[in-house]
Amino acid sequence: MLVFVRSISGTVATLLVTLFASIIALGIEGHVDMVLSALITSSPVIILTVTDCVHI
């Protein structure tokens, strides 16, 4: 990822956005009492990876 962004701060910012969005999504899913499965748990990461790749 460092090769694509070309700076450490850009790489860290992208990773932090992905991390915080995943934490928030899982927190909301847990708050509304959704049953967590492998697909639901991995979906925020998959969605953010796809959208991040589109923007790069």
PDB file of N, CA and C in Angstrom:
ATOM      1  N   MET A   1       0.818  -1.175   0.000  1.00  0.00           N
ATOM      2  CA  MET A   1       0.000   0.000   0.000  1.00  0.00           C
ATOM      3  C   MET A   1       0.872   1.252   0.000  1.00  0.00           C
ATOM      4  N   LEU A   2       2.001   1.183   0.630  1.00  0.00           N
ATOM      5  CA  LEU A   2       2.910   2.332   0.668  1.00  0.00           C
ATOM      6  C   LEU A   2       3.352   2.728  -0.734  1.00  0.00           C
ATOM      7  N   VAL A   3       3.469   1.757  -1.622  1.00  0.00           N
ATOM      8  CA  VAL A   3       3.868   2.044  -3.000  1.00  0.00           C
ATOM      9  C   VAL A   3       2.787   2.846  -3.722  1.00  0.00           C
ATOM     10  N   PHE A   4       1.518   2.505  -3.464  1.00  0.00           N
ATOM     11  CA  PHE A   4       0.425   3.194  -4.147  1.00  0.00           C
ATOM     12  C   PHE A   4       0.207   4.612  -3.610  1.00  0.00           C
ATOM     13  N   VAL A   5       0.312   4.783  -2.302  1.00  0.00           N
ATOM     14  CA  VAL A   5       0.022   6.079  -1.694  1.00  0.00           C
ATOM     15  C   VAL A   5       1.247   6.990  -1.722  1.00  0.00           C
ATOM     16  N   ARG A   6       2.428   6.412  -1.686  1.00  0.00           N
ATOM     17  CA  ARG A   6       3.714   7.094  -1.763  1.00  0.00           C
ATOM     18  C   ARG A   6       4.087   7.914  -0.535  1.00  0.00           C
ATOM     19  N   SER A   7       3.399   7.723   0.570  1.00  0.00           N
ATOM     20  CA  SER A   7       3.806   8.373   1.813  1.00  0.00           C
ATOM     21  C   SER A   7       3.314   7.541   2.993  1.00  0.00           C
ATOM     22  N   ILE A   8       4.061   7.599   4.058  1.00  0.00           N
ATOM     23  CA  ILE A   8       3.692   6.836   5.248  1.00  0.00           C
ATOM     24  C   ILE A   8       2.435   7.416   5.879  1.00  0.00           C
ATOM     25  N   SER A   9       2.311   8.735   5.888  1.00  0.00           N
ATOM     26  CA  SER A   9       1.123   9.343   6.504  1.00  0.00           C
ATOM     27  C   SER A   9      -0.147   8.984   5.729  1.00  0.00           C
ATOM     28  N   GLY A  10      -0.077   8.927   4.422  1.00  0.00           N
ATOM     29  CA  GLY A  10      -1.232   8.523   3.623  1.00  0.00           C
ATOM     30  C   GLY A  10      -1.610   7.077   3.862  1.00  0.00           C
ATOM     31  N   THR A  11      -0.611   6.224   4.008  1.00  0.00           N
ATOM     32  CA  THR A  11      -0.859   4.812   4.288  1.00  0.00           C
ATOM     33  C   THR A  11      -1.505   4.637   5.651  1.00  0.00           C
ATOM     34  N   VAL A  12      -0.964   5.330   6.654  1.00  0.00           N
ATOM     35  CA  VAL A  12      -1.507   5.229   8.008  1.00  0.00           C
ATOM     36  C   VAL A  12      -2.934   5.779   8.050  1.00  0.00           C
ATOM     37  N   ALA A  13      -3.183   6.884   7.374  1.00  0.00           N
ATOM     38  CA  ALA A  13      -4.529   7.468   7.363  1.00  0.00           C
ATOM     39  C   ALA A  13      -5.532   6.506   6.729  1.00  0.00           C
ATOM     40  N   THR A  14      -5.158   5.873   5.635  1.00  0.00           N
ATOM     41  CA  THR A  14      -6.044   4.920   4.972  1.00  0.00           C
ATOM     42  C   THR A  14      -6.327   3.720   5.866  1.00  0.00           C
ATOM     43  N   LEU A  15      -5.296   3.216   6.518  1.00  0.00           N
ATOM     44  CA  LEU A  15      -5.482   2.073   7.408  1.00  0.00           C
ATOM     45  C   LEU A  15      -6.334   2.437   8.615  1.00  0.00           C
ATOM     46  N   LEU A  16      -6.167   3.646   9.148  1.00  0.00           N
ATOM     47  CA  LEU A  16      -6.974   4.066  10.292  1.00  0.00           C
ATOM     48  C   LEU A  16      -8.449   4.224   9.924  1.00  0.00           C
ATOM     49  N   VAL A  17      -8.711   4.765   8.751  1.00  0.00           N
ATOM     50  CA  VAL A  17     -10.106   4.884   8.302  1.00  0.00           C
ATOM     51  C   VAL A  17     -10.743   3.503   8.182  1.00  0.00           C
ATOM     52  N   THR A  18     -10.025   2.568   7.602  1.00  0.00           N
ATOM     53  CA  THR A  18     -10.541   1.204   7.467  1.00  0.00           C
ATOM     54  C   THR A  18     -10.754   0.559   8.831  1.00  0.00           C
ATOM     55  N   LEU A  19      -9.805   0.739   9.729  1.00  0.00           N
ATOM     56  CA  LEU A  19      -9.906   0.153  11.066  1.00  0.00           C
ATOM     57  C   LEU A  19     -11.081   0.731  11.841  1.00  0.00           C
ATOM     58  N   PHE A  20     -11.199   2.057  11.885  1.00  0.00           N
ATOM     59  CA  PHE A  20     -12.280   2.683  12.640  1.00  0.00           C
ATOM     60  C   PHE A  20     -13.647   2.363  12.050  1.00  0.00           C
ATOM     61  N   ALA A  21     -13.755   2.325  10.738  1.00  0.00           N
ATOM     62  CA  ALA A  21     -15.030   1.984  10.106  1.00  0.00           C
ATOM     63  C   ALA A  21     -15.434   0.545  10.429  1.00  0.00           C
ATOM     64  N   SER A  22     -14.468  -0.350  10.460  1.00  0.00           N
ATOM     65  CA  SER A  22     -14.772  -1.743  10.804  1.00  0.00           C
ATOM     66  C   SER A  22     -15.214  -1.863  12.256  1.00  0.00           C
ATOM     67  N   ILE A  23     -14.536  -1.149  13.143  1.00  0.00           N
ATOM     68  CA  ILE A  23     -14.901  -1.183  14.562  1.00  0.00           C
ATOM     69  C   ILE A  23     -16.305  -0.620  14.764  1.00  0.00           C
ATOM     70  N   ILE A  24     -16.615   0.482  14.106  1.00  0.00           N
ATOM     71  CA  ILE A  24     -17.940   1.083  14.232  1.00  0.00           C
ATOM     72  C   ILE A  24     -19.011   0.154  13.670  1.00  0.00           C
ATOM     73  N   ALA A  25     -18.751  -0.445  12.510  1.00  0.00           N
ATOM     74  CA  ALA A  25     -19.737  -1.354  11.906  1.00  0.00           C
ATOM     75  C   ALA A  25     -19.997  -2.558  12.809  1.00  0.00           C
ATOM     76  N   LEU A  26     -18.956  -3.139  13.365  1.00  0.00           N
ATOM     77  CA  LEU A  26     -19.148  -4.290  14.246  1.00  0.00           C
ATOM     78  C   LEU A  26     -19.834  -3.878  15.544  1.00  0.00           C
ATOM     79  N   GLY A  27     -19.544  -2.673  16.033  1.00  0.00           N
ATOM     80  CA  GLY A  27     -20.210  -2.178  17.233  1.00  0.00           C
ATOM     81  C   GLY A  27     -21.696  -1.974  17.016  1.00  0.00           C
ATOM     82  N   ILE A  28     -22.062  -1.428  15.873  1.00  0.00           N
ATOM     83  CA  ILE A  28     -23.483  -1.239  15.555  1.00  0.00           C
ATOM     84  C   ILE A  28     -24.174  -2.585  15.403  1.00  0.00           C
ATOM     85  N   GLU A  29     -23.511  -3.522  14.740  1.00  0.00           N
ATOM     86  CA  GLU A  29     -24.099  -4.856  14.571  1.00  0.00           C
ATOM     87  C   GLU A  29     -24.308  -5.531  15.929  1.00  0.00           C
ATOM     88  N   GLY A  30     -23.368  -5.363  16.826  1.00  0.00           N
ATOM     89  CA  GLY A  30     -23.521  -5.938  18.159  1.00  0.00           C
ATOM     90  C   GLY A  30     -24.581  -5.219  18.970  1.00  0.00           C
ATOM     91  N   HIS A  31     -24.703  -3.908  18.779  1.00  0.00           N
ATOM     92  CA  HIS A  31     -25.671  -3.113  19.538  1.00  0.00           C
ATOM     93  C   HIS A  31     -27.110  -3.461  19.165  1.00  0.00           C
ATOM     94  N   VAL A  32     -27.355  -3.770  17.914  1.00  0.00           N
ATOM     95  CA  VAL A  32     -28.713  -4.129  17.481  1.00  0.00           C
ATOM     96  C   VAL A  32     -28.960  -5.631  17.584  1.00  0.00           C
ATOM     97  N   ASP A  33     -28.096  -6.335  18.285  1.00  0.00           N
ATOM     98  CA  ASP A  33     -28.218  -7.768  18.569  1.00  0.00           C
ATOM     99  C   ASP A  33     -28.285  -8.643  17.325  1.00  0.00           C
ATOM    100  N   MET A  34     -27.477  -8.321  16.321  1.00  0.00           N
ATOM    101  CA  MET A  34     -27.369  -9.203  15.165  1.00  0.00           C
ATOM    102  C   MET A  34     -26.516 -10.410  15.549  1.00  0.00           C
ATOM    103  N   VAL A  35     -26.864 -11.541  15.000  1.00  0.00           N
ATOM    104  CA  VAL A  35     -26.056 -12.737  15.224  1.00  0.00           C
ATOM    105  C   VAL A  35     -24.834 -12.616  14.324  1.00  0.00           C
ATOM    106  N   LEU A  36     -23.647 -12.621  14.932  1.00  0.00           N
ATOM    107  CA  LEU A  36     -22.426 -12.431  14.161  1.00  0.00           C
ATOM    108  C   LEU A  36     -21.971 -13.750  13.549  1.00  0.00           C
ATOM    109  N   SER A  37     -21.856 -13.761  12.246  1.00  0.00           N
ATOM    110  CA  SER A  37     -21.334 -14.921  11.530  1.00  0.00           C
ATOM    111  C   SER A  37     -20.060 -14.495  10.811  1.00  0.00           C
ATOM    112  N   ALA A  38     -19.432 -15.422  10.141  1.00  0.00           N
ATOM    113  CA  ALA A  38     -18.184 -15.112   9.442  1.00  0.00           C
ATOM    114  C   ALA A  38     -18.418 -14.096   8.327  1.00  0.00           C
ATOM    115  N   LEU A  39     -19.531 -14.203   7.624  1.00  0.00           N
ATOM    116  CA  LEU A  39     -19.821 -13.275   6.532  1.00  0.00           C
ATOM    117  C   LEU A  39     -20.110 -11.870   7.051  1.00  0.00           C
ATOM    118  N   ILE A  40     -20.890 -11.763   8.101  1.00  0.00           N
ATOM    119  CA  ILE A  40     -21.220 -10.450   8.662  1.00  0.00           C
ATOM    120  C   ILE A  40     -19.979  -9.802   9.258  1.00  0.00           C
ATOM    121  N   THR A  41     -19.135 -10.581   9.895  1.00  0.00           N
ATOM    122  CA  THR A  41     -17.945 -10.019  10.523  1.00  0.00           C
ATOM    123  C   THR A  41     -16.939  -9.528   9.491  1.00  0.00           C
ATOM    124  N   SER A  42     -16.846 -10.180   8.360  1.00  0.00           N
ATOM    125  CA  SER A  42     -15.868  -9.775   7.358  1.00  0.00           C
ATOM    126  C   SER A  42     -16.407  -8.767   6.351  1.00  0.00           C
ATOM    127  N   SER A  43     -17.700  -8.534   6.333  1.00  0.00           N
ATOM    128  CA  SER A  43     -18.280  -7.646   5.324  1.00  0.00           C
ATOM    129  C   SER A  43     -17.779  -6.203   5.392  1.00  0.00           C
ATOM    130  N   PRO A  44     -17.584  -5.567   6.559  1.00  0.00           N
ATOM    131  CA  PRO A  44     -17.060  -4.193   6.541  1.00  0.00           C
ATOM    132  C   PRO A  44     -15.676  -4.100   5.901  1.00  0.00           C
ATOM    133  N   VAL A  45     -14.834  -5.057   6.172  1.00  0.00           N
ATOM    134  CA  VAL A  45     -13.494  -5.040   5.602  1.00  0.00           C
ATOM    135  C   VAL A  45     -13.541  -5.231   4.097  1.00  0.00           C
ATOM    136  N   ILE A  46     -14.387  -6.129   3.627  1.00  0.00           N
ATOM    137  CA  ILE A  46     -14.512  -6.364   2.188  1.00  0.00           C
ATOM    138  C   ILE A  46     -15.056  -5.125   1.489  1.00  0.00           C
ATOM    139  N   ILE A  47     -16.090  -4.524   2.048  1.00  0.00           N
ATOM    140  CA  ILE A  47     -16.682  -3.335   1.442  1.00  0.00           C
ATOM    141  C   ILE A  47     -15.688  -2.185   1.409  1.00  0.00           C
ATOM    142  N   LEU A  48     -14.983  -1.956   2.509  1.00  0.00           N
ATOM    143  CA  LEU A  48     -14.028  -0.849   2.542  1.00  0.00           C
ATOM    144  C   LEU A  48     -12.834  -1.100   1.633  1.00  0.00           C
ATOM    145  N   THR A  49     -12.431  -2.352   1.477  1.00  0.00           N
ATOM    146  CA  THR A  49     -11.328  -2.665   0.578  1.00  0.00           C
ATOM    147  C   THR A  49     -11.724  -2.395  -0.865  1.00  0.00           C
ATOM    148  N   VAL A  50     -12.914  -2.790  -1.236  1.00  0.00           N
ATOM    149  CA  VAL A  50     -13.377  -2.570  -2.607  1.00  0.00           C
ATOM    150  C   VAL A  50     -13.530  -1.082  -2.882  1.00  0.00           C
ATOM    151  N   THR A  51     -14.135  -0.330  -1.977  1.00  0.00           N
ATOM    152  CA  THR A  51     -14.318   1.099  -2.208  1.00  0.00           C
ATOM    153  C   THR A  51     -12.994   1.848  -2.184  1.00  0.00           C
ATOM    154  N   ASP A  52     -12.076   1.402  -1.351  1.00  0.00           N
ATOM    155  CA  ASP A  52     -10.764   2.038  -1.309  1.00  0.00           C
ATOM    156  C   ASP A  52     -10.007   1.813  -2.616  1.00  0.00           C
ATOM    157  N   CYS A  53     -10.125   0.613  -3.158  1.00  0.00           N
ATOM    158  CA  CYS A  53      -9.444   0.315  -4.428  1.00  0.00           C
ATOM    159  C   CYS A  53     -10.039   1.111  -5.577  1.00  0.00           C
ATOM    160  N   VAL A  54     -11.328   1.383  -5.529  1.00  0.00           N
ATOM    161  CA  VAL A  54     -11.956   2.168  -6.580  1.00  0.00           C
ATOM    162  C   VAL A  54     -11.410   3.600  -6.563  1.00  0.00           C
ATOM    163  N   HIS A  55     -11.200   4.152  -5.364  1.00  0.00           N
ATOM    164  CA  HIS A  55     -10.734   5.530  -5.255  1.00  0.00           C
ATOM    165  C   HIS A  55      -9.242   5.680  -5.574  1.00  0.00           C
ATOM    166  N   ILE A  56      -8.471   4.626  -5.358  1.00  0.00           N
ATOM    167  CA  ILE A  56      -7.043   4.716  -5.673  1.00  0.00           C
ATOM    168  C   ILE A  56      -6.877   4.658  -7.174  1.00  0.00           C
TER     169      ILE A  56
END
